[in-house]
Each structure stands twice: as C-alpha cells, then as structure tokens.
Amino acid sequence: MPIPPFTRRNFLSTAALGSAALGWLPRNASAEAAAVSTSQADWHASQTEWDAAPFNRLLRARRTVKQLFDATTPDGEMLTAHVHNALTGLERGFGIPKEMILVVVALRSHATLLNLDDYAWKKYQLGAGYKVKDPATGKPAERNIYFASILAPDGRYASDNPNDPRSIESDTSLQAIQRRGVQLLCCHVAIEGTAHYAVERLKLQASQETVAQDLLAHLLPGVLVVPSMVSAIPLLETHGRFAYLRL
C-alpha cells in the first residue's frame, strides 16, 4: 500500500477527531475512492490523499471477538506472550474458531521500534538510542531482535500442541503473531518523533522529513500506518467494537 507522507503539524492542523472519523468511514464507493488517491501526494498531504480503505476494513470486519492491544514499550517478547495467550485462550479455551477472531496491535511511542526492519535499526542506531540490547552480542541492537522467527524460520512448527515448546504458541517473534493473523499498526506521528530524535541524537545532516520517509520505507511486512494512533484507537473501540487492553 502506498503510504502518503504526513507531518504531525499537518495532521493536527487539518482535522479534529470528529472530522477525521468521517474521513476514515466513507459511506459509499465514491467517497472511498476519493480517500485512496495517493499518486500525487507530497509531504504536506491532505486527508483525501490518505488510503483509508485498509483501516476501514478493520473497523467493518465481522468477527465474534475483536481485540486491540495498546503497546508503548519496545518489549516484543512481553507483547507476543500476551497476544499468544489471548489467541490460544479464545481458540482452545472458549472454542471460538480462529477465523472469527481479529487481533490488532497498536504500536506507538517507543513501541514504534517494533514496526521497523533491520535496516532502520542499524542505520539509526535504534538499539543504542532506546536501550535495547541484542541477546546474541550483549551490545545495543543493530537489528530488530523481535521480528524474525528462530523457532520456525520457514513457518513450519514441529507441534500444534500449545503446551509444546515447539509450537507457534511458544514462538516469541512478531513474525509468529503475524502468522496467526494479527495486524500490527504504526503511528505516523510516532514515526515523526522517532525521526526527530534520530536527527538530533546522531546529528544527521538529513532533515526530519527525509528520515521519516526512510523509516516509513522500512517498515516490517504487513504493517499498517495510521496518521495518529491516539485517534485511531478510539475509532477502533467505538466504530470497530474492539475490546481495548493496555499493555
């Protein structure tokens, strides 16, 4: 999905939450088409240039259970443990078919790091900046240590028993919860903040806008960007009927 660039100042100055909700909830095909036009988007994009369709699909999805995890710290193992617990409990404990469960993880503030790939972690020294150590080296991480599955790199697990350490439920990677259908969300305002911090901390010659664009180009596969997470969360709760859980 093409991601039109937004600045924090542009998003906050062009819309209040009420009008933003209308933009995220087009009522007909023509309104939705207007919201998807991104081909000519520049840095100061308007709301009509943001692709709202993927987010709207989350809101409108019909499931027995829709759960929203709100995470602000870059602790990927803690996050995946809670998500696995929720999914396995719903599927095996309550007998809800997995296709009738939808879990979304809102990664904001420092948890934004979890959405970024190894290139971004190394180039912008995110491990050093946010005090995340690589267990393989004992030094500040220069890769996203939480993403790739070590247990099943090819996606094939030796057991489907949730109590077996060889099962997907024991896989602490972000890749594992994505394999279970979990949607990761990224906050554009938080990306701006990450870019600003990188420019100041590393004394970069590049502008904040340039770094933000670079970060957006290096999100993990399948990550969905929203203009503002603190605006997206109430929409998910009220219009999407997601049950909220703060981690």
C-alpha atoms as a PDB file:
ATOM      1  CA  MET A   1       0.000   0.000   0.000  1.00  0.00           C
ATOM      2  CA  PRO A   2       1.449   3.390  -0.912  1.00  0.00           C
ATOM      3  CA  ILE A   3       1.918   5.454   2.225  1.00  0.00           C
ATOM      4  CA  PRO A   4       1.432   9.186   1.681  1.00  0.00           C
ATOM      5  CA  PRO A   5       3.619  11.303   3.941  1.00  0.00           C
ATOM      6  CA  PHE A   6       2.019  13.157   6.815  1.00  0.00           C
ATOM      7  CA  THR A   7       3.603  15.537   9.258  1.00  0.00           C
ATOM      8  CA  ARG A   8       2.360  15.875  12.784  1.00  0.00           C
ATOM      9  CA  ARG A   9       1.699  19.567  12.270  1.00  0.00           C
ATOM     10  CA  ASN A  10      -0.231  18.900   9.080  1.00  0.00           C
ATOM     11  CA  PHE A  11      -2.412  16.177  10.544  1.00  0.00           C
ATOM     12  CA  LEU A  12      -3.247  18.092  13.695  1.00  0.00           C
ATOM     13  CA  SER A  13      -3.888  21.346  11.866  1.00  0.00           C
ATOM     14  CA  THR A  14      -6.138  19.914   9.165  1.00  0.00           C
ATOM     15  CA  ALA A  15      -8.587  17.914  11.239  1.00  0.00           C
ATOM     16  CA  ALA A  16     -10.123  17.417  14.636  1.00  0.00           C
ATOM     17  CA  LEU A  17     -11.068  13.905  15.685  1.00  0.00           C
ATOM     18  CA  GLY A  18     -14.683  14.299  14.600  1.00  0.00           C
ATOM     19  CA  SER A  19     -13.851  15.220  11.024  1.00  0.00           C
ATOM     20  CA  ALA A  20     -11.112  12.606  10.947  1.00  0.00           C
ATOM     21  CA  ALA A  21     -13.690   9.951  11.769  1.00  0.00           C
ATOM     22  CA  LEU A  22     -15.703  10.930   8.716  1.00  0.00           C
ATOM     23  CA  GLY A  23     -12.598  10.574   6.582  1.00  0.00           C
ATOM     24  CA  TRP A  24     -11.937   7.101   7.947  1.00  0.00           C
ATOM     25  CA  LEU A  25     -15.516   5.946   7.451  1.00  0.00           C
ATOM     26  CA  PRO A  26     -16.570   6.681   3.857  1.00  0.00           C
ATOM     27  CA  ARG A  27     -20.200   5.647   3.322  1.00  0.00           C
ATOM     28  CA  ASN A  28     -20.028   4.843  -0.357  1.00  0.00           C
ATOM     29  CA  ALA A  29     -17.643   3.727  -3.060  1.00  0.00           C
ATOM     30  CA  SER A  30     -17.081   7.204  -4.480  1.00  0.00           C
ATOM     31  CA  ALA A  31     -16.116   8.612  -1.087  1.00  0.00           C
ATOM     32  CA  GLU A  32     -13.757   5.713  -0.508  1.00  0.00           C
ATOM     33  CA  ALA A  33     -12.187   6.170  -3.940  1.00  0.00           C
ATOM     34  CA  ALA A  34     -11.534   9.827  -3.163  1.00  0.00           C
ATOM     35  CA  ALA A  35      -9.800   8.839   0.054  1.00  0.00           C
ATOM     36  CA  VAL A  36      -7.461   6.472  -1.772  1.00  0.00           C
ATOM     37  CA  SER A  37      -5.861   8.851  -4.270  1.00  0.00           C
ATOM     38  CA  THR A  38      -2.185   8.916  -3.317  1.00  0.00           C
ATOM     39  CA  SER A  39      -0.365   9.045  -6.625  1.00  0.00           C
ATOM     40  CA  GLN A  40       0.349  12.769  -6.431  1.00  0.00           C
ATOM     41  CA  ALA A  41       0.764  13.015  -2.668  1.00  0.00           C
ATOM     42  CA  ASP A  42       3.543  15.297  -1.486  1.00  0.00           C
ATOM     43  CA  TRP A  43       4.869  15.798   2.031  1.00  0.00           C
ATOM     44  CA  HIS A  44       2.027  18.109   3.049  1.00  0.00           C
ATOM     45  CA  ALA A  45      -0.655  15.635   2.054  1.00  0.00           C
ATOM     46  CA  SER A  46      -4.311  16.263   2.827  1.00  0.00           C
ATOM     47  CA  GLN A  47      -6.672  13.739   4.368  1.00  0.00           C
ATOM     48  CA  THR A  48      -8.180  12.975   0.968  1.00  0.00           C
ATOM     49  CA  GLU A  49      -4.787  11.597  -0.062  1.00  0.00           C
ATOM     50  CA  TRP A  50      -4.636   9.045   2.735  1.00  0.00           C
ATOM     51  CA  ASP A  51      -5.624   5.471   1.913  1.00  0.00           C
ATOM     52  CA  ALA A  52      -8.357   4.786   4.470  1.00  0.00           C
ATOM     53  CA  ALA A  53      -9.573   1.516   2.968  1.00  0.00           C
ATOM     54  CA  PRO A  54      -7.359  -0.956   4.918  1.00  0.00           C
ATOM     55  CA  PHE A  55      -8.201   0.713   8.220  1.00  0.00           C
ATOM     56  CA  ASN A  56     -11.901   0.747   7.367  1.00  0.00           C
ATOM     57  CA  ARG A  57     -11.766  -2.964   6.674  1.00  0.00           C
ATOM     58  CA  LEU A  58     -10.601  -3.494  10.253  1.00  0.00           C
ATOM     59  CA  LEU A  59     -13.467  -1.392  11.547  1.00  0.00           C
ATOM     60  CA  ARG A  60     -16.066  -3.216   9.479  1.00  0.00           C
ATOM     61  CA  ALA A  61     -14.746  -6.750   9.902  1.00  0.00           C
ATOM     62  CA  ARG A  62     -17.367  -9.077  11.330  1.00  0.00           C
ATOM     63  CA  ARG A  63     -15.851 -11.308  13.980  1.00  0.00           C
ATOM     64  CA  THR A  64     -17.026 -12.946  17.189  1.00  0.00           C
ATOM     65  CA  VAL A  65     -14.123 -11.326  19.054  1.00  0.00           C
ATOM     66  CA  LYS A  66     -12.134  -8.223  18.075  1.00  0.00           C
ATOM     67  CA  GLN A  67      -9.307  -7.341  20.474  1.00  0.00           C
ATOM     68  CA  LEU A  68      -6.983  -4.339  20.499  1.00  0.00           C
ATOM     69  CA  PHE A  69      -3.633  -4.352  22.311  1.00  0.00           C
ATOM     70  CA  ASP A  70      -2.135  -0.907  23.015  1.00  0.00           C
ATOM     71  CA  ALA A  71       1.665  -1.102  23.432  1.00  0.00           C
ATOM     72  CA  THR A  72       4.090   1.742  24.150  1.00  0.00           C
ATOM     73  CA  THR A  73       7.339  -0.010  25.120  1.00  0.00           C
ATOM     74  CA  PRO A  74       9.713  -1.946  22.826  1.00  0.00           C
ATOM     75  CA  ASP A  75       9.352  -5.253  24.650  1.00  0.00           C
ATOM     76  CA  GLY A  76       8.461  -7.614  21.844  1.00  0.00           C
ATOM     77  CA  GLU A  77       8.563 -10.789  23.928  1.00  0.00           C
ATOM     78  CA  MET A  78       6.121  -9.438  26.501  1.00  0.00           C
ATOM     79  CA  LEU A  79       3.821  -8.326  23.702  1.00  0.00           C
ATOM     80  CA  THR A  80       3.826 -11.636  21.850  1.00  0.00           C
ATOM     81  CA  ALA A  81       3.306 -13.575  25.085  1.00  0.00           C
ATOM     82  CA  HIS A  82       0.096 -11.636  25.794  1.00  0.00           C
ATOM     83  CA  VAL A  83      -1.136 -11.958  22.218  1.00  0.00           C
ATOM     84  CA  HIS A  84      -0.482 -15.705  22.092  1.00  0.00           C
ATOM     85  CA  ASN A  85      -2.230 -16.092  25.449  1.00  0.00           C
ATOM     86  CA  ALA A  86      -5.297 -14.255  24.169  1.00  0.00           C
ATOM     87  CA  LEU A  87      -5.482 -16.138  20.872  1.00  0.00           C
ATOM     88  CA  THR A  88      -4.923 -19.586  22.364  1.00  0.00           C
ATOM     89  CA  GLY A  89      -7.357 -18.957  25.192  1.00  0.00           C
ATOM     90  CA  LEU A  90     -10.059 -17.820  22.798  1.00  0.00           C
ATOM     91  CA  GLU A  91      -9.468 -20.676  20.350  1.00  0.00           C
ATOM     92  CA  ARG A  92      -8.848 -23.607  22.697  1.00  0.00           C
ATOM     93  CA  GLY A  93     -10.349 -22.457  25.976  1.00  0.00           C
ATOM     94  CA  PHE A  94     -13.539 -20.818  24.680  1.00  0.00           C
ATOM     95  CA  GLY A  95     -13.813 -22.748  21.426  1.00  0.00           C
ATOM     96  CA  ILE A  96     -14.003 -19.729  19.132  1.00  0.00           C
ATOM     97  CA  PRO A  97     -12.847 -20.548  15.585  1.00  0.00           C
ATOM     98  CA  LYS A  98      -9.639 -18.706  14.696  1.00  0.00           C
ATOM     99  CA  GLU A  99     -11.251 -17.199  11.607  1.00  0.00           C
ATOM    100  CA  MET A 100     -13.769 -15.481  13.903  1.00  0.00           C
ATOM    101  CA  ILE A 101     -11.049 -13.709  15.929  1.00  0.00           C
ATOM    102  CA  LEU A 102      -9.362 -10.457  14.907  1.00  0.00           C
ATOM    103  CA  VAL A 103      -6.463  -9.061  16.940  1.00  0.00           C
ATOM    104  CA  VAL A 104      -4.881  -5.681  16.274  1.00  0.00           C
ATOM    105  CA  VAL A 105      -1.741  -4.389  17.981  1.00  0.00           C
ATOM    106  CA  ALA A 106      -1.341  -0.614  18.206  1.00  0.00           C
ATOM    107  CA  LEU A 107       2.399   0.100  18.458  1.00  0.00           C
ATOM    108  CA  ARG A 108       3.042   3.696  19.481  1.00  0.00           C
ATOM    109  CA  SER A 109       5.572   5.776  21.398  1.00  0.00           C
ATOM    110  CA  HIS A 110       8.752   3.704  21.908  1.00  0.00           C
ATOM    111  CA  ALA A 111       6.976   0.563  20.696  1.00  0.00           C
ATOM    112  CA  THR A 112       7.175   2.091  17.219  1.00  0.00           C
ATOM    113  CA  LEU A 113      10.622   0.462  17.023  1.00  0.00           C
ATOM    114  CA  LEU A 114       8.955  -2.933  16.762  1.00  0.00           C
ATOM    115  CA  ASN A 115       7.468  -1.952  13.397  1.00  0.00           C
ATOM    116  CA  LEU A 116      10.874  -1.235  11.806  1.00  0.00           C
ATOM    117  CA  ASP A 117      13.186  -3.590   9.924  1.00  0.00           C
ATOM    118  CA  ASP A 118      16.874  -4.371  10.454  1.00  0.00           C
ATOM    119  CA  TYR A 119      17.995  -1.631   8.047  1.00  0.00           C
ATOM    120  CA  ALA A 120      16.295   1.061  10.138  1.00  0.00           C
ATOM    121  CA  TRP A 121      17.586  -0.359  13.417  1.00  0.00           C
ATOM    122  CA  LYS A 122      21.179  -0.360  12.169  1.00  0.00           C
ATOM    123  CA  LYS A 123      21.190   2.914  10.227  1.00  0.00           C
ATOM    124  CA  TYR A 124      19.589   4.959  13.001  1.00  0.00           C
ATOM    125  CA  GLN A 125      21.200   3.048  15.909  1.00  0.00           C
ATOM    126  CA  LEU A 126      17.824   2.396  17.487  1.00  0.00           C
ATOM    127  CA  GLY A 127      19.135  -0.150  19.979  1.00  0.00           C
ATOM    128  CA  ALA A 128      21.574   2.384  21.396  1.00  0.00           C
ATOM    129  CA  GLY A 129      19.036   5.194  21.313  1.00  0.00           C
ATOM    130  CA  TYR A 130      16.317   3.259  23.122  1.00  0.00           C
ATOM    131  CA  LYS A 131      18.490   0.976  25.273  1.00  0.00           C
ATOM    132  CA  VAL A 132      17.621  -2.318  23.604  1.00  0.00           C
ATOM    133  CA  LYS A 133      20.387  -4.934  23.765  1.00  0.00           C
ATOM    134  CA  ASP A 134      20.917  -7.764  21.314  1.00  0.00           C
ATOM    135  CA  PRO A 135      20.992 -11.014  23.334  1.00  0.00           C
ATOM    136  CA  ALA A 136      23.369 -12.503  20.764  1.00  0.00           C
ATOM    137  CA  THR A 137      26.039  -9.847  21.314  1.00  0.00           C
ATOM    138  CA  GLY A 138      25.194  -8.160  24.605  1.00  0.00           C
ATOM    139  CA  LYS A 139      25.550  -4.839  22.780  1.00  0.00           C
ATOM    140  CA  PRO A 140      22.965  -2.301  21.611  1.00  0.00           C
ATOM    141  CA  ALA A 141      20.818  -3.996  18.984  1.00  0.00           C
ATOM    142  CA  GLU A 142      21.525  -3.173  15.359  1.00  0.00           C
ATOM    143  CA  ARG A 143      18.640  -5.317  14.162  1.00  0.00           C
ATOM    144  CA  ASN A 144      15.025  -5.831  15.094  1.00  0.00           C
ATOM    145  CA  ILE A 145      15.636  -8.642  17.566  1.00  0.00           C
ATOM    146  CA  TYR A 146      11.896  -9.256  17.986  1.00  0.00           C
ATOM    147  CA  PHE A 147      10.790  -9.857  14.403  1.00  0.00           C
ATOM    148  CA  ALA A 148      12.243 -12.973  12.789  1.00  0.00           C
ATOM    149  CA  SER A 149      11.201 -16.416  13.994  1.00  0.00           C
ATOM    150  CA  ILE A 150      14.073 -18.558  15.238  1.00  0.00           C
ATOM    151  CA  LEU A 151      11.808 -21.442  16.170  1.00  0.00           C
ATOM    152  CA  ALA A 152      10.327 -21.844  12.672  1.00  0.00           C
ATOM    153  CA  PRO A 153      12.037 -19.697  10.021  1.00  0.00           C
ATOM    154  CA  ASP A 154      10.030 -21.418   7.280  1.00  0.00           C
ATOM    155  CA  GLY A 155       6.752 -21.153   9.165  1.00  0.00           C
ATOM    156  CA  ARG A 156       6.517 -24.880   9.850  1.00  0.00           C
ATOM    157  CA  TYR A 157       6.249 -25.816  13.528  1.00  0.00           C
ATOM    158  CA  ALA A 158       7.086 -29.251  14.902  1.00  0.00           C
ATOM    159  CA  SER A 159       3.939 -29.374  17.057  1.00  0.00           C
ATOM    160  CA  ASP A 160       0.437 -27.915  17.162  1.00  0.00           C
ATOM    161  CA  ASN A 161       0.106 -28.573  20.887  1.00  0.00           C
ATOM    162  CA  PRO A 162       0.081 -25.183  22.672  1.00  0.00           C
ATOM    163  CA  ASN A 163       1.852 -26.764  25.646  1.00  0.00           C
ATOM    164  CA  ASP A 164       4.718 -27.975  23.453  1.00  0.00           C
ATOM    165  CA  PRO A 165       7.724 -25.594  23.300  1.00  0.00           C
ATOM    166  CA  ARG A 166       7.984 -26.400  19.586  1.00  0.00           C
ATOM    167  CA  SER A 167       4.539 -24.918  18.818  1.00  0.00           C
ATOM    168  CA  ILE A 168       3.731 -21.487  17.457  1.00  0.00           C
ATOM    169  CA  GLU A 169       2.410 -20.503  20.883  1.00  0.00           C
ATOM    170  CA  SER A 170       5.991 -20.704  22.176  1.00  0.00           C
ATOM    171  CA  ASP A 171       7.378 -18.583  19.345  1.00  0.00           C
ATOM    172  CA  THR A 172       8.137 -15.152  20.833  1.00  0.00           C
ATOM    173  CA  SER A 173       8.691 -13.451  17.463  1.00  0.00           C
ATOM    174  CA  LEU A 174       6.488 -10.798  15.899  1.00  0.00           C
ATOM    175  CA  GLN A 175       6.534 -12.950  12.797  1.00  0.00           C
ATOM    176  CA  ALA A 176       4.733 -15.669  14.761  1.00  0.00           C
ATOM    177  CA  ILE A 177       1.787 -13.486  15.767  1.00  0.00           C
ATOM    178  CA  GLN A 178       1.570 -12.157  12.210  1.00  0.00           C
ATOM    179  CA  ARG A 179       1.304 -15.778  11.078  1.00  0.00           C
ATOM    180  CA  ARG A 180      -1.671 -16.098  13.408  1.00  0.00           C
ATOM    181  CA  GLY A 181      -3.396 -13.217  11.622  1.00  0.00           C
ATOM    182  CA  VAL A 182      -2.507 -10.334  13.948  1.00  0.00           C
ATOM    183  CA  GLN A 183      -2.440  -6.859  12.355  1.00  0.00           C
ATOM    184  CA  LEU A 184       0.335  -4.503  13.501  1.00  0.00           C
ATOM    185  CA  LEU A 185      -0.413  -0.767  13.397  1.00  0.00           C
ATOM    186  CA  CYS A 186       2.156   2.036  13.174  1.00  0.00           C
ATOM    187  CA  CYS A 187       1.578   5.656  14.231  1.00  0.00           C
ATOM    188  CA  HIS A 188       2.803   8.242  11.719  1.00  0.00           C
ATOM    189  CA  VAL A 189       3.150  10.872  14.445  1.00  0.00           C
ATOM    190  CA  ALA A 190       5.402   8.449  16.346  1.00  0.00           C
ATOM    191  CA  ILE A 191       7.475   7.910  13.201  1.00  0.00           C
ATOM    192  CA  GLU A 192       7.946  11.674  13.044  1.00  0.00           C
ATOM    193  CA  GLY A 193       9.074  11.644  16.667  1.00  0.00           C
ATOM    194  CA  THR A 194      11.482   8.774  16.033  1.00  0.00           C
ATOM    195  CA  ALA A 195      12.910  10.653  13.060  1.00  0.00           C
ATOM    196  CA  HIS A 196      13.285  13.870  15.051  1.00  0.00           C
ATOM    197  CA  TYR A 197      15.102  12.036  17.848  1.00  0.00           C
ATOM    198  CA  ALA A 198      17.426  10.320  15.350  1.00  0.00           C
ATOM    199  CA  VAL A 199      18.344  13.608  13.670  1.00  0.00           C
ATOM    200  CA  GLU A 200      19.137  15.265  16.998  1.00  0.00           C
ATOM    201  CA  ARG A 201      20.855  12.279  18.645  1.00  0.00           C
ATOM    202  CA  LEU A 202      23.027  11.352  15.656  1.00  0.00           C
ATOM    203  CA  LYS A 203      23.488  14.956  14.473  1.00  0.00           C
ATOM    204  CA  LEU A 204      22.349  13.997  10.993  1.00  0.00           C
ATOM    205  CA  GLN A 205      22.513  16.353   8.039  1.00  0.00           C
ATOM    206  CA  ALA A 206      19.282  14.864   6.699  1.00  0.00           C
ATOM    207  CA  SER A 207      16.021  16.585   7.593  1.00  0.00           C
ATOM    208  CA  GLN A 208      13.401  15.098   9.879  1.00  0.00           C
ATOM    209  CA  GLU A 209      11.114  14.694   6.856  1.00  0.00           C
ATOM    210  CA  THR A 210      13.767  12.740   4.946  1.00  0.00           C
ATOM    211  CA  VAL A 211      14.424  10.412   7.870  1.00  0.00           C
ATOM    212  CA  ALA A 212      10.702   9.888   8.476  1.00  0.00           C
ATOM    213  CA  GLN A 213      10.232   8.896   4.843  1.00  0.00           C
ATOM    214  CA  ASP A 214      13.154   6.499   5.115  1.00  0.00           C
ATOM    215  CA  LEU A 215      11.638   4.898   8.214  1.00  0.00           C
ATOM    216  CA  LEU A 216       8.267   4.526   6.508  1.00  0.00           C
ATOM    217  CA  ALA A 217      10.015   2.787   3.615  1.00  0.00           C
ATOM    218  CA  HIS A 218      11.487   0.275   6.059  1.00  0.00           C
ATOM    219  CA  LEU A 219       8.506  -0.991   7.999  1.00  0.00           C
ATOM    220  CA  LEU A 220       8.075  -4.698   8.562  1.00  0.00           C
ATOM    221  CA  PRO A 221       5.924  -6.540   6.004  1.00  0.00           C
ATOM    222  CA  GLY A 222       2.206  -6.141   6.578  1.00  0.00           C
ATOM    223  CA  VAL A 223       2.372  -3.151   8.943  1.00  0.00           C
ATOM    224  CA  LEU A 224      -0.493  -0.669   8.512  1.00  0.00           C
ATOM    225  CA  VAL A 225       0.209   3.034   9.111  1.00  0.00           C
ATOM    226  CA  VAL A 226      -2.388   5.347  10.649  1.00  0.00           C
ATOM    227  CA  PRO A 227      -1.991   9.146  10.852  1.00  0.00           C
ATOM    228  CA  SER A 228      -2.308   9.257  14.641  1.00  0.00           C
ATOM    229  CA  MET A 229      -2.582   6.239  16.930  1.00  0.00           C
ATOM    230  CA  VAL A 230      -4.340   8.083  19.731  1.00  0.00           C
ATOM    231  CA  SER A 231      -7.007   8.987  17.165  1.00  0.00           C
ATOM    232  CA  ALA A 232      -7.133   5.523  15.625  1.00  0.00           C
ATOM    233  CA  ILE A 233      -7.631   3.775  18.980  1.00  0.00           C
ATOM    234  CA  PRO A 234     -10.995   5.398  19.845  1.00  0.00           C
ATOM    235  CA  LEU A 235     -12.222   4.711  16.310  1.00  0.00           C
ATOM    236  CA  LEU A 236     -11.297   1.058  16.712  1.00  0.00           C
ATOM    237  CA  GLU A 237     -13.120   0.962  20.037  1.00  0.00           C
ATOM    238  CA  THR A 238     -16.282   2.856  19.096  1.00  0.00           C
ATOM    239  CA  HIS A 239     -16.770   2.090  15.402  1.00  0.00           C
ATOM    240  CA  GLY A 240     -14.883  -1.209  15.206  1.00  0.00           C
ATOM    241  CA  ARG A 241     -16.118  -2.611  18.526  1.00  0.00           C
ATOM    242  CA  PHE A 242     -12.620  -3.733  19.520  1.00  0.00           C
ATOM    243  CA  ALA A 243     -12.057  -4.634  23.165  1.00  0.00           C
ATOM    244  CA  TYR A 244      -9.167  -2.488  24.457  1.00  0.00           C
ATOM    245  CA  LEU A 245      -6.245  -3.762  26.526  1.00  0.00           C
ATOM    246  CA  ARG A 246      -3.311  -1.563  27.512  1.00  0.00           C
ATOM    247  CA  LEU A 247      -0.011  -3.392  27.944  1.00  0.00           C
END
